[in-house]
Amino acid sequence: MRVSKTKINQNLGKTILKNFIQTLDDLKNFDEKRAFITDFFNKNELETYSKRLAIFYYLKKRRSYENIKTNLKVSSATIAVLEKQIEKEGIKLALKKMEADEWANVWSEKIKKITS
């Protein structure tokens, strides 16, 4: 699908962005979110955005450019561009959520081992 490069009215743009965010917020569970995302984005878009988040995550974990390039099959230029964005509020918030989930999963596994 090709998207027009012609700008829409700014107010309309704000409205449709608000609707998009509200739609994401209204999805109740992982399965609903997965169904929407995999249907909404094409395979290449989904891979691009997933890799982008993974690059941010790996940068936060202080992985080397070479490690990121090898594992995610991206260029140094892509990593460099994203590294400049890692301090943006939304990116920091997403990474914080990911780290909280990671921490919870680690402790969940430890508790399962103790109670088994």
N, C-alpha and C. Protein backbone atom coordinates (compact mmCIF):
# COMPACT_ATOMS: atom_id res chain seq x y z
N MET A 1 0.84 -1.18 0.00
CA MET A 1 0.00 0.00 0.00
C MET A 1 0.88 1.24 0.00
N ARG A 2 0.55 2.16 -0.83
CA ARG A 2 1.30 3.40 -0.91
C ARG A 2 0.51 4.50 -0.21
N VAL A 3 1.19 5.28 0.61
CA VAL A 3 0.55 6.36 1.34
C VAL A 3 0.89 7.67 0.66
N SER A 4 -0.09 8.54 0.57
CA SER A 4 0.10 9.85 -0.04
C SER A 4 1.08 10.68 0.77
N LYS A 5 1.92 11.43 0.08
CA LYS A 5 2.86 12.33 0.75
C LYS A 5 2.26 13.72 0.94
N THR A 6 1.03 13.91 0.45
CA THR A 6 0.34 15.18 0.60
C THR A 6 -0.17 15.30 2.04
N LYS A 7 0.14 16.42 2.66
CA LYS A 7 -0.25 16.65 4.06
C LYS A 7 -1.76 16.88 4.16
N ILE A 8 -2.35 16.34 5.24
CA ILE A 8 -3.76 16.60 5.49
C ILE A 8 -3.89 17.78 6.45
N ASN A 9 -5.09 18.25 6.60
CA ASN A 9 -5.38 19.33 7.53
C ASN A 9 -4.86 18.95 8.92
N GLN A 10 -4.20 19.89 9.59
CA GLN A 10 -3.58 19.63 10.89
C GLN A 10 -4.60 19.16 11.93
N ASN A 11 -5.76 19.78 11.97
CA ASN A 11 -6.79 19.37 12.94
C ASN A 11 -7.29 17.96 12.66
N LEU A 12 -7.49 17.64 11.38
CA LEU A 12 -7.89 16.29 11.02
C LEU A 12 -6.79 15.30 11.40
N GLY A 13 -5.54 15.67 11.18
CA GLY A 13 -4.42 14.82 11.56
C GLY A 13 -4.42 14.51 13.04
N LYS A 14 -4.67 15.52 13.86
CA LYS A 14 -4.73 15.31 15.32
C LYS A 14 -5.89 14.39 15.69
N THR A 15 -7.01 14.56 15.01
CA THR A 15 -8.19 13.74 15.30
C THR A 15 -7.95 12.28 14.95
N ILE A 16 -7.39 12.03 13.78
CA ILE A 16 -7.18 10.62 13.40
C ILE A 16 -6.09 9.97 14.24
N LEU A 17 -5.08 10.74 14.67
CA LEU A 17 -4.06 10.20 15.57
C LEU A 17 -4.71 9.84 16.91
N LYS A 18 -5.56 10.74 17.42
CA LYS A 18 -6.26 10.47 18.68
C LYS A 18 -7.11 9.20 18.54
N ASN A 19 -7.80 9.05 17.43
CA ASN A 19 -8.61 7.85 17.21
C ASN A 19 -7.76 6.59 17.14
N PHE A 20 -6.61 6.67 16.50
CA PHE A 20 -5.71 5.53 16.41
C PHE A 20 -5.23 5.12 17.80
N ILE A 21 -4.81 6.09 18.59
CA ILE A 21 -4.34 5.81 19.95
C ILE A 21 -5.47 5.25 20.80
N GLN A 22 -6.67 5.81 20.67
CA GLN A 22 -7.82 5.31 21.43
C GLN A 22 -8.15 3.87 21.04
N THR A 23 -8.04 3.57 19.76
CA THR A 23 -8.29 2.20 19.30
C THR A 23 -7.30 1.24 19.94
N LEU A 24 -6.02 1.61 19.99
CA LEU A 24 -5.02 0.76 20.64
C LEU A 24 -5.35 0.58 22.12
N ASP A 25 -5.76 1.67 22.75
CA ASP A 25 -6.09 1.62 24.17
C ASP A 25 -7.31 0.74 24.43
N ASP A 26 -8.25 0.70 23.51
CA ASP A 26 -9.48 -0.08 23.68
C ASP A 26 -9.28 -1.58 23.51
N LEU A 27 -8.20 -1.97 22.89
CA LEU A 27 -7.93 -3.40 22.73
C LEU A 27 -7.61 -3.97 24.11
N LYS A 28 -8.33 -5.01 24.52
CA LYS A 28 -8.34 -5.44 25.91
C LYS A 28 -7.20 -6.36 26.34
N ASN A 29 -6.72 -7.20 25.45
CA ASN A 29 -5.72 -8.18 25.88
C ASN A 29 -4.70 -8.42 24.77
N PHE A 30 -3.73 -9.23 25.09
CA PHE A 30 -2.64 -9.51 24.16
C PHE A 30 -3.16 -10.04 22.82
N ASP A 31 -4.10 -10.98 22.87
CA ASP A 31 -4.60 -11.59 21.63
C ASP A 31 -5.30 -10.57 20.74
N GLU A 32 -6.10 -9.67 21.33
CA GLU A 32 -6.75 -8.63 20.54
C GLU A 32 -5.71 -7.69 19.93
N LYS A 33 -4.71 -7.33 20.71
CA LYS A 33 -3.66 -6.43 20.22
C LYS A 33 -2.86 -7.10 19.11
N ARG A 34 -2.50 -8.36 19.30
CA ARG A 34 -1.75 -9.09 18.28
C ARG A 34 -2.56 -9.18 16.99
N ALA A 35 -3.85 -9.51 17.11
CA ALA A 35 -4.71 -9.64 15.92
C ALA A 35 -4.77 -8.31 15.17
N PHE A 36 -4.97 -7.23 15.88
CA PHE A 36 -5.04 -5.92 15.23
C PHE A 36 -3.72 -5.57 14.55
N ILE A 37 -2.63 -5.69 15.29
CA ILE A 37 -1.33 -5.27 14.77
C ILE A 37 -0.92 -6.10 13.56
N THR A 38 -1.12 -7.41 13.63
CA THR A 38 -0.71 -8.25 12.50
C THR A 38 -1.61 -8.06 11.29
N ASP A 39 -2.87 -7.65 11.51
CA ASP A 39 -3.75 -7.35 10.38
C ASP A 39 -3.54 -5.94 9.84
N PHE A 40 -3.22 -5.01 10.71
CA PHE A 40 -3.10 -3.60 10.34
C PHE A 40 -1.81 -3.32 9.59
N PHE A 41 -0.69 -3.83 10.10
CA PHE A 41 0.61 -3.61 9.46
C PHE A 41 0.90 -4.75 8.50
N ASN A 42 1.53 -4.42 7.37
CA ASN A 42 1.96 -5.50 6.49
C ASN A 42 3.23 -6.12 7.10
N LYS A 43 3.67 -7.21 6.52
CA LYS A 43 4.81 -7.96 7.09
C LYS A 43 6.06 -7.09 7.21
N ASN A 44 6.36 -6.30 6.19
CA ASN A 44 7.55 -5.45 6.22
C ASN A 44 7.45 -4.35 7.26
N GLU A 45 6.27 -3.73 7.37
CA GLU A 45 6.08 -2.68 8.38
C GLU A 45 6.23 -3.25 9.78
N LEU A 46 5.62 -4.40 10.01
CA LEU A 46 5.69 -5.02 11.32
C LEU A 46 7.13 -5.37 11.68
N GLU A 47 7.88 -5.89 10.73
CA GLU A 47 9.29 -6.22 10.98
C GLU A 47 10.09 -4.95 11.24
N THR A 48 9.85 -3.91 10.46
CA THR A 48 10.57 -2.64 10.63
C THR A 48 10.36 -2.06 12.01
N TYR A 49 9.10 -1.98 12.44
CA TYR A 49 8.81 -1.37 13.74
C TYR A 49 9.24 -2.25 14.90
N SER A 50 9.13 -3.56 14.73
CA SER A 50 9.60 -4.48 15.77
C SER A 50 11.10 -4.38 15.93
N LYS A 51 11.82 -4.31 14.79
CA LYS A 51 13.27 -4.17 14.85
C LYS A 51 13.67 -2.84 15.48
N ARG A 52 12.92 -1.80 15.17
CA ARG A 52 13.22 -0.48 15.74
C ARG A 52 13.15 -0.54 17.27
N LEU A 53 12.12 -1.16 17.79
CA LEU A 53 12.00 -1.30 19.24
C LEU A 53 13.12 -2.16 19.80
N ALA A 54 13.47 -3.23 19.09
CA ALA A 54 14.56 -4.09 19.54
C ALA A 54 15.90 -3.34 19.54
N ILE A 55 16.12 -2.49 18.56
CA ILE A 55 17.35 -1.69 18.53
C ILE A 55 17.42 -0.78 19.75
N PHE A 56 16.32 -0.10 20.06
CA PHE A 56 16.30 0.73 21.26
C PHE A 56 16.62 -0.10 22.50
N TYR A 57 15.99 -1.26 22.59
CA TYR A 57 16.19 -2.15 23.75
C TYR A 57 17.65 -2.58 23.85
N TYR A 58 18.22 -3.01 22.74
CA TYR A 58 19.62 -3.45 22.75
C TYR A 58 20.57 -2.30 23.07
N LEU A 59 20.29 -1.12 22.56
CA LEU A 59 21.12 0.04 22.89
C LEU A 59 21.05 0.32 24.40
N LYS A 60 19.86 0.24 24.94
CA LYS A 60 19.68 0.46 26.39
C LYS A 60 20.47 -0.57 27.19
N LYS A 61 20.56 -1.78 26.67
CA LYS A 61 21.31 -2.86 27.33
C LYS A 61 22.82 -2.78 27.02
N ARG A 62 23.19 -1.72 26.31
CA ARG A 62 24.59 -1.44 25.97
C ARG A 62 25.24 -2.50 25.07
N ARG A 63 24.44 -3.08 24.21
CA ARG A 63 25.01 -4.00 23.22
C ARG A 63 25.76 -3.19 22.17
N SER A 64 26.77 -3.79 21.61
CA SER A 64 27.58 -3.12 20.60
C SER A 64 26.83 -3.01 19.28
N TYR A 65 27.26 -2.04 18.47
CA TYR A 65 26.67 -1.90 17.13
C TYR A 65 26.81 -3.21 16.37
N GLU A 66 27.98 -3.83 16.47
CA GLU A 66 28.24 -5.07 15.72
C GLU A 66 27.26 -6.16 16.15
N ASN A 67 27.02 -6.28 17.45
CA ASN A 67 26.08 -7.27 17.95
C ASN A 67 24.67 -6.99 17.42
N ILE A 68 24.26 -5.74 17.45
CA ILE A 68 22.93 -5.37 16.97
C ILE A 68 22.82 -5.63 15.47
N LYS A 69 23.84 -5.22 14.72
CA LYS A 69 23.85 -5.43 13.27
C LYS A 69 23.72 -6.91 12.94
N THR A 70 24.49 -7.73 13.62
CA THR A 70 24.50 -9.16 13.35
C THR A 70 23.17 -9.82 13.70
N ASN A 71 22.64 -9.50 14.85
CA ASN A 71 21.42 -10.15 15.31
C ASN A 71 20.16 -9.64 14.60
N LEU A 72 20.08 -8.36 14.33
CA LEU A 72 18.86 -7.79 13.76
C LEU A 72 18.95 -7.52 12.27
N LYS A 73 20.13 -7.71 11.69
CA LYS A 73 20.33 -7.49 10.25
C LYS A 73 19.95 -6.07 9.85
N VAL A 74 20.53 -5.10 10.56
CA VAL A 74 20.32 -3.68 10.28
C VAL A 74 21.68 -3.03 10.06
N SER A 75 21.66 -1.83 9.52
CA SER A 75 22.91 -1.12 9.24
C SER A 75 23.34 -0.28 10.44
N SER A 76 24.62 0.07 10.44
CA SER A 76 25.15 0.97 11.47
C SER A 76 24.44 2.32 11.40
N ALA A 77 24.10 2.75 10.19
CA ALA A 77 23.42 4.03 10.02
C ALA A 77 22.05 4.02 10.71
N THR A 78 21.33 2.92 10.57
CA THR A 78 20.02 2.80 11.23
C THR A 78 20.19 2.86 12.74
N ILE A 79 21.16 2.14 13.25
CA ILE A 79 21.40 2.14 14.70
C ILE A 79 21.76 3.54 15.17
N ALA A 80 22.61 4.23 14.43
CA ALA A 80 23.04 5.58 14.81
C ALA A 80 21.86 6.55 14.84
N VAL A 81 20.99 6.45 13.87
CA VAL A 81 19.82 7.34 13.83
C VAL A 81 18.94 7.10 15.05
N LEU A 82 18.72 5.85 15.37
CA LEU A 82 17.86 5.53 16.51
C LEU A 82 18.53 5.87 17.85
N GLU A 83 19.84 5.73 17.90
CA GLU A 83 20.56 6.06 19.13
C GLU A 83 20.35 7.52 19.51
N LYS A 84 20.20 8.38 18.50
CA LYS A 84 19.96 9.80 18.75
C LYS A 84 18.56 10.05 19.32
N GLN A 85 17.66 9.09 19.15
CA GLN A 85 16.28 9.25 19.61
C GLN A 85 15.99 8.58 20.94
N ILE A 86 16.97 7.88 21.49
CA ILE A 86 16.72 7.03 22.66
C ILE A 86 16.33 7.82 23.91
N GLU A 87 16.64 9.10 23.95
CA GLU A 87 16.28 9.91 25.11
C GLU A 87 14.92 10.58 24.99
N LYS A 88 14.21 10.34 23.91
CA LYS A 88 12.87 10.89 23.76
C LYS A 88 11.95 10.27 24.82
N GLU A 89 11.03 11.08 25.31
CA GLU A 89 10.15 10.66 26.41
C GLU A 89 9.41 9.35 26.13
N GLY A 90 8.81 9.25 24.95
CA GLY A 90 8.04 8.05 24.61
C GLY A 90 8.90 6.80 24.53
N ILE A 91 10.09 6.94 24.00
CA ILE A 91 11.01 5.80 23.89
C ILE A 91 11.45 5.36 25.28
N LYS A 92 11.81 6.32 26.11
CA LYS A 92 12.22 6.00 27.49
C LYS A 92 11.09 5.30 28.24
N LEU A 93 9.87 5.76 28.05
CA LEU A 93 8.72 5.15 28.70
C LEU A 93 8.53 3.71 28.24
N ALA A 94 8.61 3.48 26.94
CA ALA A 94 8.45 2.12 26.41
C ALA A 94 9.54 1.19 26.94
N LEU A 95 10.77 1.68 26.98
CA LEU A 95 11.87 0.86 27.49
C LEU A 95 11.70 0.56 28.97
N LYS A 96 11.20 1.52 29.71
CA LYS A 96 10.94 1.31 31.13
C LYS A 96 9.89 0.22 31.32
N LYS A 97 8.85 0.24 30.50
CA LYS A 97 7.80 -0.80 30.56
C LYS A 97 8.38 -2.16 30.21
N MET A 98 9.24 -2.20 29.19
CA MET A 98 9.85 -3.47 28.80
C MET A 98 10.73 -4.02 29.92
N GLU A 99 11.49 -3.15 30.56
CA GLU A 99 12.36 -3.59 31.65
C GLU A 99 11.54 -4.07 32.85
N ALA A 100 10.40 -3.43 33.11
CA ALA A 100 9.53 -3.86 34.20
C ALA A 100 8.97 -5.25 33.91
N ASP A 101 8.55 -5.48 32.66
CA ASP A 101 8.05 -6.80 32.27
C ASP A 101 9.15 -7.85 32.38
N GLU A 102 10.34 -7.49 31.95
CA GLU A 102 11.47 -8.40 32.02
C GLU A 102 11.75 -8.78 33.47
N TRP A 103 11.77 -7.79 34.35
CA TRP A 103 12.01 -8.03 35.78
C TRP A 103 10.91 -8.93 36.35
N ALA A 104 9.66 -8.64 36.01
CA ALA A 104 8.54 -9.44 36.52
C ALA A 104 8.64 -10.88 36.03
N ASN A 105 9.03 -11.08 34.79
CA ASN A 105 9.16 -12.43 34.26
C ASN A 105 10.28 -13.21 34.96
N VAL A 106 11.38 -12.54 35.24
CA VAL A 106 12.49 -13.19 35.95
C VAL A 106 12.03 -13.65 37.33
N TRP A 107 11.38 -12.77 38.05
CA TRP A 107 10.93 -13.12 39.40
C TRP A 107 9.81 -14.15 39.37
N SER A 108 8.97 -14.10 38.38
CA SER A 108 7.92 -15.09 38.25
C SER A 108 8.52 -16.48 38.10
N GLU A 109 9.54 -16.60 37.26
CA GLU A 109 10.22 -17.88 37.06
C GLU A 109 10.90 -18.35 38.36
N LYS A 110 11.53 -17.43 39.08
CA LYS A 110 12.18 -17.79 40.35
C LYS A 110 11.15 -18.29 41.36
N ILE A 111 10.01 -17.64 41.42
CA ILE A 111 8.95 -18.05 42.36
C ILE A 111 8.40 -19.40 41.97
N LYS A 112 8.23 -19.64 40.66
CA LYS A 112 7.74 -20.96 40.21
C LYS A 112 8.69 -22.06 40.63
N LYS A 113 10.00 -21.81 40.53
CA LYS A 113 10.99 -22.82 40.91
C LYS A 113 10.95 -23.08 42.41
N ILE A 114 10.75 -22.04 43.19
CA ILE A 114 10.71 -22.20 44.64
C ILE A 114 9.46 -22.98 45.07
N THR A 115 8.33 -22.71 44.42
CA THR A 115 7.07 -23.33 44.83
C THR A 115 6.82 -24.67 44.16
N SER A 116 7.68 -25.08 43.27
CA SER A 116 7.49 -26.37 42.58
C SER A 116 7.98 -27.53 43.39
